[in-house]
N, C-alpha and C. Protein backbone atom coordinates (compact mmCIF):
# COMPACT_ATOMS: atom_id res chain seq x y z
N MET A 1 35.99 -20.35 -5.82
CA MET A 1 35.09 -19.98 -6.91
C MET A 1 35.93 -19.67 -8.14
N SER A 2 35.61 -20.31 -9.22
CA SER A 2 36.37 -20.08 -10.47
C SER A 2 36.06 -18.69 -11.04
N TYR A 3 36.94 -18.26 -11.93
CA TYR A 3 36.74 -16.95 -12.58
C TYR A 3 35.41 -16.85 -13.27
N SER A 4 35.03 -17.89 -14.03
CA SER A 4 33.77 -17.86 -14.80
C SER A 4 32.56 -17.83 -13.84
N ASN A 5 32.64 -18.57 -12.76
CA ASN A 5 31.54 -18.52 -11.78
C ASN A 5 31.44 -17.14 -11.12
N TYR A 6 32.63 -16.59 -10.80
CA TYR A 6 32.68 -15.25 -10.20
C TYR A 6 32.12 -14.21 -11.14
N TYR A 7 32.53 -14.30 -12.42
CA TYR A 7 32.07 -13.39 -13.42
C TYR A 7 30.58 -13.49 -13.63
N SER A 8 30.04 -14.73 -13.72
CA SER A 8 28.62 -14.95 -13.89
C SER A 8 27.85 -14.38 -12.69
N TYR A 9 28.37 -14.63 -11.48
CA TYR A 9 27.73 -14.13 -10.27
C TYR A 9 27.63 -12.62 -10.30
N ASN A 10 28.72 -11.95 -10.70
CA ASN A 10 28.69 -10.49 -10.72
C ASN A 10 27.74 -9.95 -11.78
N ILE A 11 27.62 -10.59 -12.91
CA ILE A 11 26.65 -10.16 -13.92
C ILE A 11 25.24 -10.28 -13.39
N ILE A 12 24.91 -11.45 -12.80
CA ILE A 12 23.56 -11.62 -12.24
C ILE A 12 23.29 -10.61 -11.15
N MET A 13 24.28 -10.37 -10.29
CA MET A 13 24.11 -9.38 -9.22
C MET A 13 23.84 -8.05 -9.81
N LYS A 14 24.53 -7.67 -10.81
CA LYS A 14 24.30 -6.38 -11.45
C LYS A 14 22.90 -6.27 -12.03
N ILE A 15 22.44 -7.34 -12.61
CA ILE A 15 21.07 -7.30 -13.21
C ILE A 15 20.04 -7.08 -12.11
N SER A 16 20.17 -7.78 -11.00
CA SER A 16 19.21 -7.66 -9.94
C SER A 16 19.26 -6.26 -9.36
N THR A 17 20.43 -5.69 -9.24
CA THR A 17 20.57 -4.33 -8.74
C THR A 17 19.96 -3.32 -9.71
N LYS A 18 20.16 -3.53 -10.99
CA LYS A 18 19.62 -2.64 -12.02
C LYS A 18 18.06 -2.68 -11.97
N ILE A 19 17.52 -3.89 -11.80
CA ILE A 19 16.07 -4.04 -11.72
C ILE A 19 15.54 -3.22 -10.54
N LYS A 20 16.21 -3.37 -9.42
CA LYS A 20 15.77 -2.64 -8.22
C LYS A 20 15.87 -1.13 -8.41
N LYS A 21 16.96 -0.67 -8.98
CA LYS A 21 17.13 0.79 -9.17
C LYS A 21 16.06 1.36 -10.11
N VAL A 22 15.81 0.67 -11.20
CA VAL A 22 14.78 1.15 -12.16
C VAL A 22 13.40 1.13 -11.48
N ARG A 23 13.13 0.09 -10.73
CA ARG A 23 11.83 -0.01 -10.01
C ARG A 23 11.69 1.18 -9.07
N GLU A 24 12.72 1.46 -8.32
CA GLU A 24 12.70 2.59 -7.37
C GLU A 24 12.54 3.92 -8.09
N LEU A 25 13.22 4.09 -9.21
CA LEU A 25 13.09 5.36 -9.97
C LEU A 25 11.68 5.53 -10.51
N LYS A 26 11.04 4.41 -10.87
CA LYS A 26 9.66 4.46 -11.34
C LYS A 26 8.68 4.69 -10.23
N GLY A 27 9.12 4.47 -8.99
CA GLY A 27 8.23 4.64 -7.85
C GLY A 27 7.36 3.45 -7.59
N TYR A 28 7.75 2.30 -8.11
CA TYR A 28 6.95 1.08 -7.93
C TYR A 28 7.39 0.34 -6.67
N SER A 29 6.47 -0.29 -6.00
CA SER A 29 6.79 -1.13 -4.87
C SER A 29 7.05 -2.54 -5.34
N GLN A 30 7.66 -3.33 -4.47
CA GLN A 30 7.84 -4.75 -4.79
C GLN A 30 6.50 -5.43 -4.93
N GLU A 31 5.53 -5.01 -4.10
CA GLU A 31 4.20 -5.60 -4.18
C GLU A 31 3.54 -5.35 -5.53
N TYR A 32 3.71 -4.12 -6.05
CA TYR A 32 3.16 -3.79 -7.34
C TYR A 32 3.79 -4.65 -8.45
N MET A 33 5.13 -4.78 -8.39
CA MET A 33 5.84 -5.56 -9.41
C MET A 33 5.35 -7.03 -9.35
N ALA A 34 5.28 -7.58 -8.12
CA ALA A 34 4.86 -8.98 -7.97
C ALA A 34 3.46 -9.16 -8.48
N ASP A 35 2.58 -8.25 -8.18
CA ASP A 35 1.17 -8.34 -8.62
C ASP A 35 1.09 -8.33 -10.14
N GLN A 36 1.84 -7.45 -10.78
CA GLN A 36 1.85 -7.37 -12.23
C GLN A 36 2.43 -8.59 -12.89
N MET A 37 3.35 -9.25 -12.18
CA MET A 37 4.01 -10.44 -12.74
C MET A 37 3.26 -11.74 -12.36
N GLY A 38 2.28 -11.61 -11.45
CA GLY A 38 1.54 -12.80 -11.05
C GLY A 38 2.32 -13.72 -10.11
N ILE A 39 3.20 -13.11 -9.28
CA ILE A 39 3.94 -13.86 -8.31
C ILE A 39 3.80 -13.21 -6.94
N THR A 40 4.31 -13.83 -5.90
CA THR A 40 4.24 -13.23 -4.57
C THR A 40 5.31 -12.17 -4.42
N GLN A 41 5.11 -11.29 -3.44
CA GLN A 41 6.11 -10.29 -3.12
C GLN A 41 7.40 -10.95 -2.68
N ALA A 42 7.29 -12.04 -1.94
CA ALA A 42 8.47 -12.76 -1.46
C ALA A 42 9.28 -13.32 -2.63
N ALA A 43 8.59 -13.84 -3.63
CA ALA A 43 9.24 -14.38 -4.84
C ALA A 43 9.94 -13.26 -5.57
N TYR A 44 9.26 -12.09 -5.70
CA TYR A 44 9.86 -10.97 -6.39
C TYR A 44 11.10 -10.46 -5.62
N SER A 45 10.98 -10.39 -4.30
CA SER A 45 12.08 -9.96 -3.48
C SER A 45 13.32 -10.82 -3.71
N LYS A 46 13.15 -12.09 -3.91
CA LYS A 46 14.27 -12.99 -4.18
C LYS A 46 14.99 -12.64 -5.46
N ILE A 47 14.25 -12.10 -6.42
CA ILE A 47 14.85 -11.66 -7.71
C ILE A 47 15.77 -10.47 -7.44
N GLU A 48 15.25 -9.46 -6.72
CA GLU A 48 16.03 -8.28 -6.43
C GLU A 48 17.20 -8.56 -5.49
N ASN A 49 17.06 -9.54 -4.64
CA ASN A 49 18.12 -9.86 -3.68
C ASN A 49 19.10 -10.92 -4.25
N ASN A 50 18.95 -11.21 -5.51
CA ASN A 50 19.84 -12.14 -6.17
C ASN A 50 19.83 -13.57 -5.58
N GLU A 51 18.66 -13.92 -5.07
CA GLU A 51 18.48 -15.27 -4.52
C GLU A 51 17.81 -16.18 -5.51
N LYS A 52 17.43 -15.66 -6.65
CA LYS A 52 16.77 -16.44 -7.67
C LYS A 52 17.33 -16.04 -9.03
N ASN A 53 17.65 -17.05 -9.85
CA ASN A 53 18.17 -16.77 -11.19
C ASN A 53 17.11 -16.13 -12.07
N ILE A 54 17.56 -15.27 -12.95
CA ILE A 54 16.66 -14.57 -13.87
C ILE A 54 16.93 -15.07 -15.28
N ASN A 55 15.92 -15.72 -15.87
CA ASN A 55 16.08 -16.14 -17.27
C ASN A 55 15.57 -15.02 -18.17
N PHE A 56 15.76 -15.19 -19.47
CA PHE A 56 15.35 -14.15 -20.42
C PHE A 56 13.85 -13.83 -20.36
N GLU A 57 13.04 -14.90 -20.20
CA GLU A 57 11.60 -14.72 -20.15
C GLU A 57 11.22 -13.86 -18.92
N LYS A 58 11.82 -14.13 -17.78
CA LYS A 58 11.54 -13.37 -16.56
C LYS A 58 12.02 -11.93 -16.72
N LEU A 59 13.19 -11.78 -17.33
CA LEU A 59 13.73 -10.44 -17.54
C LEU A 59 12.80 -9.64 -18.45
N THR A 60 12.27 -10.27 -19.50
CA THR A 60 11.36 -9.62 -20.42
C THR A 60 10.07 -9.19 -19.70
N THR A 61 9.56 -10.06 -18.81
CA THR A 61 8.38 -9.74 -18.06
C THR A 61 8.61 -8.55 -17.15
N ILE A 62 9.74 -8.55 -16.45
CA ILE A 62 10.07 -7.45 -15.55
C ILE A 62 10.21 -6.16 -16.37
N ALA A 63 10.89 -6.21 -17.49
CA ALA A 63 11.08 -5.04 -18.33
C ALA A 63 9.73 -4.49 -18.81
N LYS A 64 8.82 -5.39 -19.14
CA LYS A 64 7.49 -4.97 -19.62
C LYS A 64 6.75 -4.21 -18.51
N VAL A 65 6.79 -4.74 -17.29
CA VAL A 65 6.15 -4.06 -16.14
C VAL A 65 6.79 -2.71 -15.92
N LEU A 66 8.11 -2.65 -16.04
CA LEU A 66 8.81 -1.37 -15.84
C LEU A 66 8.72 -0.43 -17.03
N ASP A 67 8.11 -0.89 -18.12
CA ASP A 67 7.94 -0.10 -19.32
C ASP A 67 9.30 0.38 -19.88
N ILE A 68 10.18 -0.62 -20.01
CA ILE A 68 11.53 -0.38 -20.50
C ILE A 68 11.93 -1.59 -21.35
N GLU A 69 12.71 -1.36 -22.39
CA GLU A 69 13.17 -2.48 -23.21
C GLU A 69 14.15 -3.32 -22.41
N PRO A 70 14.11 -4.65 -22.57
CA PRO A 70 15.03 -5.49 -21.82
C PRO A 70 16.51 -5.08 -21.98
N LEU A 71 16.89 -4.73 -23.18
CA LEU A 71 18.31 -4.34 -23.40
C LEU A 71 18.63 -3.05 -22.64
N LYS A 72 17.70 -2.11 -22.61
CA LYS A 72 17.94 -0.87 -21.83
C LYS A 72 17.99 -1.17 -20.35
N LEU A 73 17.22 -2.13 -19.90
CA LEU A 73 17.29 -2.54 -18.50
C LEU A 73 18.69 -3.15 -18.20
N LEU A 74 19.15 -4.00 -19.08
CA LEU A 74 20.47 -4.62 -18.87
C LEU A 74 21.57 -3.57 -18.90
N ASN A 75 21.40 -2.53 -19.70
CA ASN A 75 22.42 -1.49 -19.85
C ASN A 75 22.19 -0.31 -18.93
N PHE A 76 21.19 -0.38 -18.05
CA PHE A 76 20.90 0.73 -17.15
C PHE A 76 22.15 1.12 -16.35
N ASP A 77 22.40 2.41 -16.33
CA ASP A 77 23.53 2.92 -15.58
C ASP A 77 23.05 4.04 -14.67
N GLU A 78 22.99 3.74 -13.39
CA GLU A 78 22.51 4.71 -12.40
C GLU A 78 23.30 5.99 -12.43
N GLN A 79 24.59 5.91 -12.63
CA GLN A 79 25.41 7.14 -12.67
C GLN A 79 25.02 8.03 -13.85
N GLN A 80 24.64 7.43 -14.97
CA GLN A 80 24.21 8.25 -16.11
C GLN A 80 22.92 9.03 -15.77
N VAL A 81 22.02 8.39 -15.07
CA VAL A 81 20.79 9.03 -14.65
C VAL A 81 21.09 10.25 -13.81
N PHE A 82 21.94 10.07 -12.78
CA PHE A 82 22.25 11.19 -11.90
C PHE A 82 23.12 12.24 -12.54
N ASN A 83 23.97 11.83 -13.48
CA ASN A 83 24.77 12.80 -14.24
C ASN A 83 23.83 13.66 -15.10
N ASN A 84 22.81 13.04 -15.68
CA ASN A 84 21.78 13.81 -16.47
C ASN A 84 21.11 14.82 -15.58
N CYS A 85 20.80 14.44 -14.35
CA CYS A 85 20.16 15.35 -13.43
C CYS A 85 21.08 16.54 -13.14
N LYS A 86 22.36 16.25 -12.90
CA LYS A 86 23.30 17.31 -12.61
C LYS A 86 23.49 18.25 -13.78
N ASN A 87 23.33 17.70 -14.98
CA ASN A 87 23.54 18.52 -16.19
C ASN A 87 22.27 19.25 -16.65
N GLY A 88 21.21 19.17 -15.88
CA GLY A 88 20.01 19.94 -16.17
C GLY A 88 18.94 19.22 -17.00
N ASN A 89 19.06 17.91 -17.19
CA ASN A 89 18.05 17.14 -17.93
C ASN A 89 16.96 16.71 -16.98
N PHE A 90 16.17 17.71 -16.54
CA PHE A 90 15.15 17.47 -15.53
C PHE A 90 13.78 17.48 -16.17
N GLY A 91 12.83 16.95 -15.40
CA GLY A 91 11.42 17.10 -15.75
C GLY A 91 10.94 18.47 -15.29
N ASN A 92 9.61 18.66 -15.25
CA ASN A 92 9.06 19.95 -14.91
C ASN A 92 9.41 20.44 -13.51
N ASN A 93 9.53 19.55 -12.53
CA ASN A 93 9.77 20.02 -11.16
C ASN A 93 11.19 19.66 -10.68
N GLY A 94 12.13 19.55 -11.57
CA GLY A 94 13.49 19.29 -11.16
C GLY A 94 13.76 17.83 -10.86
N ILE A 95 12.83 16.96 -11.13
CA ILE A 95 13.00 15.54 -10.90
C ILE A 95 13.31 14.88 -12.25
N TYR A 96 14.27 13.95 -12.22
CA TYR A 96 14.62 13.28 -13.48
C TYR A 96 13.40 12.58 -14.02
N ASN A 97 13.18 12.73 -15.30
CA ASN A 97 11.98 12.24 -15.99
C ASN A 97 12.10 10.75 -16.21
N ALA A 98 11.72 9.93 -15.19
CA ALA A 98 11.86 8.49 -15.30
C ALA A 98 10.54 7.80 -15.63
N TYR A 99 9.48 8.55 -15.78
CA TYR A 99 8.17 7.98 -16.03
C TYR A 99 7.84 7.96 -17.50
N SER A 100 7.09 6.97 -17.94
CA SER A 100 6.70 6.90 -19.33
C SER A 100 5.53 7.89 -19.52
N GLU A 101 5.22 8.15 -20.75
CA GLU A 101 4.10 9.07 -21.05
C GLU A 101 2.80 8.50 -20.53
N LYS A 102 2.58 7.19 -20.65
CA LYS A 102 1.37 6.53 -20.12
C LYS A 102 1.24 6.73 -18.64
N GLU A 103 2.35 6.52 -17.90
CA GLU A 103 2.33 6.73 -16.45
C GLU A 103 2.02 8.16 -16.09
N ARG A 104 2.64 9.09 -16.83
CA ARG A 104 2.40 10.51 -16.59
C ARG A 104 0.94 10.85 -16.74
N GLN A 105 0.32 10.32 -17.81
CA GLN A 105 -1.12 10.57 -18.05
C GLN A 105 -1.97 10.04 -16.93
N LEU A 106 -1.62 8.83 -16.45
CA LEU A 106 -2.37 8.21 -15.37
C LEU A 106 -2.25 9.06 -14.12
N TYR A 107 -1.04 9.52 -13.79
CA TYR A 107 -0.87 10.37 -12.64
C TYR A 107 -1.64 11.69 -12.74
N GLU A 108 -1.62 12.28 -13.93
CA GLU A 108 -2.31 13.54 -14.13
C GLU A 108 -3.83 13.34 -13.97
N GLU A 109 -4.36 12.24 -14.50
CA GLU A 109 -5.78 11.95 -14.35
C GLU A 109 -6.12 11.75 -12.86
N ARG A 110 -5.25 11.03 -12.16
CA ARG A 110 -5.49 10.79 -10.75
C ARG A 110 -5.46 12.10 -9.93
N ILE A 111 -4.54 12.97 -10.28
CA ILE A 111 -4.45 14.25 -9.63
C ILE A 111 -5.70 15.08 -9.85
N LYS A 112 -6.21 15.11 -11.09
CA LYS A 112 -7.42 15.85 -11.37
C LYS A 112 -8.62 15.29 -10.60
N HIS A 113 -8.68 13.96 -10.53
CA HIS A 113 -9.76 13.31 -9.77
C HIS A 113 -9.66 13.70 -8.29
N LEU A 114 -8.49 13.69 -7.74
CA LEU A 114 -8.33 14.03 -6.32
C LEU A 114 -8.63 15.51 -6.07
N GLU A 115 -8.26 16.36 -7.01
CA GLU A 115 -8.59 17.79 -6.88
C GLU A 115 -10.12 18.01 -6.84
N LYS A 116 -10.84 17.28 -7.68
CA LYS A 116 -12.30 17.38 -7.67
C LYS A 116 -12.88 16.86 -6.36
N GLU A 117 -12.30 15.80 -5.86
CA GLU A 117 -12.75 15.23 -4.62
C GLU A 117 -12.52 16.19 -3.44
N VAL A 118 -11.36 16.85 -3.44
CA VAL A 118 -11.06 17.83 -2.39
C VAL A 118 -12.05 18.98 -2.47
N GLU A 119 -12.31 19.44 -3.69
CA GLU A 119 -13.27 20.56 -3.85
C GLU A 119 -14.66 20.16 -3.33
N PHE A 120 -15.07 18.94 -3.64
CA PHE A 120 -16.37 18.45 -3.17
C PHE A 120 -16.40 18.40 -1.64
N LEU A 121 -15.34 17.91 -1.05
CA LEU A 121 -15.28 17.82 0.41
C LEU A 121 -15.28 19.19 1.04
N ARG A 122 -14.64 20.18 0.41
CA ARG A 122 -14.66 21.53 0.93
C ARG A 122 -16.09 22.12 0.93
N THR A 123 -16.87 21.76 -0.09
CA THR A 123 -18.29 22.26 -0.11
C THR A 123 -19.07 21.63 1.00
N LEU A 124 -18.78 20.41 1.36
CA LEU A 124 -19.48 19.73 2.46
C LEU A 124 -19.12 20.36 3.80
N VAL A 125 -17.91 20.78 3.96
CA VAL A 125 -17.43 21.38 5.24
C VAL A 125 -18.06 22.73 5.44
N LYS A 126 -18.29 23.45 4.39
CA LYS A 126 -18.85 24.83 4.50
C LYS A 126 -20.26 24.81 4.85
């Protein structure tokens, strides 16, 4: 393998690893990502496993689903995230704040809905 092929391979591998790490930090499944992208889970898995090349259009689509700018995705550094956690840059419950404001609102709305549902079920049990 020539140096340029080796170098290209390592860059692609790093991109696929970064995509996987950001997806995991966001709490998204491969199925969710595939559904949002309009592809199968198997096809998405090939992206993360570096079995399929990623062009700029595909990278942009992935970044959009992850709610992150493509350049930030390319520059994602897992160590920086964990160093921020060690230095006290936490969210409300000690978890690194990896969710967007939109996601946070959706989660909060879902929690409120589930709390109401639990309360309703408790009245039925009594």
